[in-house]
Amino acid sequence: MKITAVIPARYASTRFPGKALAEIDGRPMIQHVYERAVQSKLVGRVIVATDDPRIADAVSTFGGEAIMTSTGHETGTDRLAEVAAGLDSDIIVNVQGDEPLIDPAIIDLALQPFLEEADLQMGTVKTRIKCLHDFLSPNVVKVVTDNRGDALYFSRSPLPFFRDKWKDLKDESFCCGKLLCYKHVGLYVYRRDFLLKFAALPATFLEISEKLEQLRAIENGIKIRVVETEFESIGVDTPDDLLKAQEQYRKLKKRM
């Protein structure tokens, strides 16, 4: 089975232009993501998909592989699908270009169900919410799943709604496990053929409402397997997020 990780990376980010090239410990963020994806035991090839020659040049400089894509894509999925159309891979992993500290083991964890279930078309990852701030924040996407681990819904709103405990929500309730809820980690796995069909589907009502592409799959009756991990994601969407990622990297480096 051929597995390729594709890292969509654009320069014109609304909240943080050029963030793919922002440095962490003297290296651009896209290099950190690339090098971590390469460490996956199941991924055979890693590609950066970009529409900007500055990012492509940076990837070439550190010895990575980049493919130039259209500047007209509205979503990372569209960019991913353009690259996937030219590959003979069986499975495509979408590794977010703003996750410089992604654990390679998480990629393998997300891939594992696809090695065991031939009919599985799409998968992603979740981790426990441990503080009230994350539970209430619209910037933290929440997910609920069924007993098998397939997604029921994703939302920027608090999910689920703890009706009997809403007035007494506190950090300790999440930390000790009394209130189980999960945030979505933005890593996706697709069967290649499904990805091409998925990208061609029109945007749906819930997707547009929540600004979450994965809801397009749910609205079209596609199951999304969601595996759980203890990994704490640090997505870099703003300069402040970059400072947090730099600090976390320094802590990790000291342990090595």
Protein backbone atom coordinates (compact mmCIF):
# COMPACT_ATOMS: atom_id res chain seq x y z
CA MET A 1 0.00 0.00 0.00
CA LYS A 2 1.44 3.36 -1.07
CA ILE A 3 0.96 6.14 1.48
CA THR A 4 1.85 9.75 0.79
CA ALA A 5 1.72 12.66 3.24
CA VAL A 6 0.89 16.00 1.65
CA ILE A 7 1.43 19.25 3.55
CA PRO A 8 -0.64 22.12 2.12
CA ALA A 9 1.18 25.41 2.68
CA ARG A 10 0.24 28.84 1.40
CA TYR A 11 1.92 32.16 2.00
CA ALA A 12 -1.13 34.44 2.11
CA SER A 13 -2.56 33.41 5.48
CA THR A 14 -5.17 35.94 6.63
CA ARG A 15 -4.13 36.06 10.28
CA PHE A 16 -0.40 35.37 9.83
CA PRO A 17 1.00 35.97 6.32
CA GLY A 18 4.12 33.96 5.58
CA LYS A 19 3.74 31.77 8.68
CA ALA A 20 5.05 28.69 6.83
CA LEU A 21 8.44 30.42 6.72
CA ALA A 22 8.36 31.75 10.29
CA GLU A 23 11.38 30.39 12.13
CA ILE A 24 11.49 28.04 15.07
CA ASP A 25 15.01 27.43 16.35
CA GLY A 26 16.49 28.84 13.15
CA ARG A 27 14.46 26.69 10.75
CA PRO A 28 11.25 27.57 8.90
CA MET A 29 8.08 26.07 10.35
CA ILE A 30 7.38 24.12 7.17
CA GLN A 31 10.72 22.31 7.65
CA HIS A 32 9.72 21.22 11.16
CA VAL A 33 6.43 19.81 9.83
CA TYR A 34 8.17 18.08 6.92
CA GLU A 35 10.87 16.48 9.05
CA ARG A 36 8.34 15.16 11.52
CA ALA A 37 6.13 13.72 8.76
CA VAL A 38 9.15 11.93 7.29
CA GLN A 39 9.59 10.14 10.63
CA SER A 40 6.25 8.35 10.22
CA LYS A 41 6.81 4.60 9.95
CA LEU A 42 3.96 4.12 7.47
CA VAL A 43 4.35 7.12 5.16
CA GLY A 44 6.52 6.45 2.12
CA ARG A 45 6.66 9.93 0.61
CA VAL A 46 6.19 13.49 1.91
CA ILE A 47 5.26 16.42 -0.35
CA VAL A 48 4.67 20.09 0.36
CA ALA A 49 1.85 21.46 -1.79
CA THR A 50 2.17 25.22 -2.20
CA ASP A 51 1.18 28.08 -4.48
CA ASP A 52 4.11 30.29 -3.56
CA PRO A 53 7.67 29.99 -4.94
CA ARG A 54 9.14 31.31 -1.67
CA ILE A 55 7.82 28.27 0.17
CA ALA A 56 8.84 25.92 -2.64
CA ASP A 57 12.37 27.38 -2.59
CA ALA A 58 12.60 26.96 1.19
CA VAL A 59 11.55 23.32 0.91
CA SER A 60 14.10 22.71 -1.85
CA THR A 61 16.80 24.35 0.28
CA PHE A 62 16.38 21.88 3.14
CA GLY A 63 16.16 18.93 0.74
CA GLY A 64 12.41 18.37 0.75
CA GLU A 65 9.98 17.82 -2.11
CA ALA A 66 7.51 20.54 -3.11
CA ILE A 67 4.87 20.66 -5.83
CA MET A 68 3.50 23.94 -7.10
CA THR A 69 -0.30 24.15 -7.20
CA SER A 70 -2.93 26.58 -8.42
CA THR A 71 -3.29 29.95 -6.70
CA GLY A 72 -7.06 29.69 -7.07
CA HIS A 73 -7.73 27.07 -4.39
CA GLU A 74 -10.05 28.19 -1.62
CA THR A 75 -9.24 25.31 0.73
CA GLY A 76 -6.37 23.07 1.71
CA THR A 77 -8.42 20.07 0.58
CA ASP A 78 -8.59 21.46 -2.96
CA ARG A 79 -4.82 21.91 -2.96
CA LEU A 80 -4.41 18.39 -1.59
CA ALA A 81 -6.65 16.92 -4.29
CA GLU A 82 -4.72 18.64 -7.09
CA VAL A 83 -1.54 16.93 -5.92
CA ALA A 84 -3.27 13.60 -5.26
CA ALA A 85 -4.64 13.54 -8.82
CA GLY A 86 -1.08 13.17 -10.09
CA LEU A 87 -0.05 10.44 -7.66
CA ASP A 88 -0.48 6.68 -7.76
CA SER A 89 -0.76 6.46 -3.97
CA ASP A 90 -3.48 4.42 -2.27
CA ILE A 91 -3.77 6.69 0.76
CA ILE A 92 -3.19 10.41 1.20
CA VAL A 93 -2.48 11.98 4.60
CA ASN A 94 -3.19 15.68 5.00
CA VAL A 95 -0.65 17.00 7.50
CA GLN A 96 -1.33 20.60 8.43
CA GLY A 97 1.50 22.98 7.59
CA ASP A 98 0.95 24.94 10.79
CA GLU A 99 1.58 21.98 13.15
CA PRO A 100 5.37 22.22 13.67
CA LEU A 101 5.33 19.90 16.68
CA ILE A 102 3.16 17.14 15.23
CA ASP A 103 4.12 13.76 16.68
CA PRO A 104 4.97 11.28 13.87
CA ALA A 105 3.31 8.54 15.91
CA ILE A 106 -0.02 10.37 15.53
CA ILE A 107 0.20 10.00 11.77
CA ASP A 108 0.70 6.26 12.12
CA LEU A 109 -2.13 6.06 14.67
CA ALA A 110 -4.53 7.75 12.25
CA LEU A 111 -3.43 5.44 9.44
CA GLN A 112 -3.82 2.17 11.37
CA PRO A 113 -7.60 1.73 10.83
CA PHE A 114 -7.06 2.03 7.07
CA LEU A 115 -4.73 -0.97 7.16
CA GLU A 116 -7.46 -3.02 8.83
CA GLU A 117 -10.72 -1.81 7.22
CA ALA A 118 -10.84 -1.76 3.45
CA ASP A 119 -14.09 0.20 3.28
CA LEU A 120 -12.88 3.09 5.42
CA GLN A 121 -12.65 6.26 3.33
CA MET A 122 -11.70 9.10 5.69
CA GLY A 123 -10.18 9.45 9.14
CA THR A 124 -8.89 12.01 11.61
CA VAL A 125 -7.77 12.45 15.24
CA LYS A 126 -9.14 13.76 18.54
CA THR A 127 -7.71 14.50 21.97
CA ARG A 128 -9.26 15.18 25.37
CA ILE A 129 -10.23 18.74 26.27
CA LYS A 130 -8.76 19.53 29.66
CA CYS A 131 -9.72 23.15 30.29
CA LEU A 132 -12.84 25.28 30.15
CA HIS A 133 -11.21 27.82 27.83
CA ASP A 134 -10.76 25.25 25.06
CA PHE A 135 -14.27 23.91 25.56
CA LEU A 136 -15.80 27.38 25.09
CA SER A 137 -13.44 28.72 22.42
CA PRO A 138 -14.78 28.86 18.83
CA ASN A 139 -11.18 28.48 17.65
CA VAL A 140 -11.06 24.97 19.15
CA VAL A 141 -13.11 22.55 17.06
CA LYS A 142 -15.00 19.98 19.09
CA VAL A 143 -16.02 16.50 17.92
CA VAL A 144 -18.43 13.85 19.18
CA THR A 145 -18.27 10.23 18.02
CA ASP A 146 -20.37 7.08 18.19
CA ASN A 147 -19.39 3.91 20.04
CA ARG A 148 -17.32 2.71 17.11
CA GLY A 149 -15.35 5.94 16.91
CA ASP A 150 -17.02 7.41 13.84
CA ALA A 151 -17.76 11.14 13.92
CA LEU A 152 -21.29 12.25 14.63
CA TYR A 153 -20.58 15.97 14.42
CA PHE A 154 -17.88 18.63 14.53
CA SER A 155 -18.56 22.11 15.87
CA ARG A 156 -16.95 25.34 17.03
CA SER A 157 -19.60 25.50 19.74
CA PRO A 158 -19.27 23.63 23.07
CA LEU A 159 -20.04 20.01 22.32
CA PRO A 160 -21.69 18.17 23.95
CA PHE A 161 -23.86 20.53 25.95
CA PHE A 162 -23.71 19.42 29.60
CA ARG A 163 -27.23 20.50 30.50
CA ASP A 164 -27.17 19.63 34.22
CA LYS A 165 -23.64 20.92 34.80
CA TRP A 166 -23.50 23.99 32.56
CA LYS A 167 -23.62 26.54 35.40
CA ASP A 168 -20.84 24.75 37.30
CA LEU A 169 -18.30 24.18 34.53
CA LYS A 170 -14.76 24.37 35.90
CA ASP A 171 -11.29 23.36 34.70
CA GLU A 172 -11.05 20.56 37.25
CA SER A 173 -14.18 18.93 35.87
CA PHE A 174 -12.41 18.45 32.55
CA CYS A 175 -9.00 17.56 34.02
CA CYS A 176 -10.32 14.77 36.23
CA GLY A 177 -12.47 13.26 33.50
CA LYS A 178 -15.90 14.01 34.95
CA LEU A 179 -16.81 15.81 31.74
CA LEU A 180 -15.54 13.93 28.71
CA CYS A 181 -15.25 15.99 25.56
CA TYR A 182 -12.78 16.11 22.72
CA LYS A 183 -11.14 18.60 20.43
CA HIS A 184 -10.35 17.82 16.85
CA VAL A 185 -6.71 17.54 15.78
CA GLY A 186 -6.50 18.73 12.18
CA LEU A 187 -4.87 15.72 10.54
CA TYR A 188 -6.81 13.81 7.88
CA VAL A 189 -6.39 10.46 6.13
CA TYR A 190 -8.16 9.70 2.83
CA ARG A 191 -8.32 6.92 0.32
CA ARG A 192 -7.01 8.69 -2.76
CA ASP A 193 -10.01 7.94 -4.97
CA PHE A 194 -12.38 9.16 -2.29
CA LEU A 195 -10.39 12.37 -1.81
CA LEU A 196 -10.79 13.26 -5.47
CA LYS A 197 -14.56 12.71 -5.28
CA PHE A 198 -14.84 14.55 -1.96
CA ALA A 199 -13.03 17.64 -3.25
CA ALA A 200 -15.42 17.76 -6.22
CA LEU A 201 -18.56 17.80 -4.03
CA PRO A 202 -20.26 21.17 -3.59
CA ALA A 203 -19.96 22.90 -0.22
CA THR A 204 -22.82 22.03 2.15
CA PHE A 205 -24.96 24.06 4.54
CA LEU A 206 -23.29 22.94 7.76
CA GLU A 207 -19.82 23.22 6.25
CA ILE A 208 -20.48 26.82 5.26
CA SER A 209 -22.14 27.62 8.60
CA GLU A 210 -19.32 26.28 10.79
CA LYS A 211 -16.49 26.85 8.29
CA LEU A 212 -15.49 23.19 8.70
CA GLU A 213 -14.85 21.17 5.54
CA GLN A 214 -15.21 17.80 7.27
CA LEU A 215 -18.92 18.46 7.73
CA ARG A 216 -19.29 18.11 3.96
CA ALA A 217 -18.43 14.43 4.35
CA ILE A 218 -20.90 13.92 7.22
CA GLU A 219 -23.69 15.67 5.33
CA ASN A 220 -23.07 13.33 2.40
CA GLY A 221 -23.26 10.23 4.61
CA ILE A 222 -19.52 9.50 4.67
CA LYS A 223 -18.17 7.95 7.86
CA ILE A 224 -15.10 9.59 9.39
CA ARG A 225 -13.10 7.39 11.76
CA VAL A 226 -11.74 9.44 14.67
CA VAL A 227 -8.90 7.91 16.69
CA GLU A 228 -7.99 9.21 20.13
CA THR A 229 -4.57 10.37 21.19
CA GLU A 230 -3.05 12.13 24.18
CA PHE A 231 -1.05 14.37 21.86
CA GLU A 232 -1.63 18.08 22.51
CA SER A 233 -1.72 19.98 19.26
CA ILE A 234 -0.18 23.45 18.90
CA GLY A 235 -1.52 24.95 15.69
CA VAL A 236 0.14 28.20 14.63
CA ASP A 237 -2.52 30.61 13.41
CA THR A 238 -1.15 33.87 14.84
CA PRO A 239 2.21 35.37 15.90
CA ASP A 240 1.24 34.65 19.52
CA ASP A 241 0.79 30.98 18.62
CA LEU A 242 4.29 31.01 17.12
CA LEU A 243 5.72 32.19 20.43
CA LYS A 244 3.97 29.30 22.19
CA ALA A 245 5.32 26.82 19.66
CA GLN A 246 8.85 28.22 20.03
CA GLU A 247 8.65 27.88 23.80
CA GLN A 248 7.30 24.32 23.58
CA TYR A 249 10.05 23.39 21.13
CA ARG A 250 12.70 24.70 23.53
CA LYS A 251 11.23 22.54 26.29
CA LEU A 252 11.21 19.46 24.06
CA LYS A 253 14.78 20.13 22.93
CA LYS A 254 16.00 20.21 26.54
CA ARG A 255 14.55 16.72 27.10
CA MET A 256 16.36 15.26 24.11
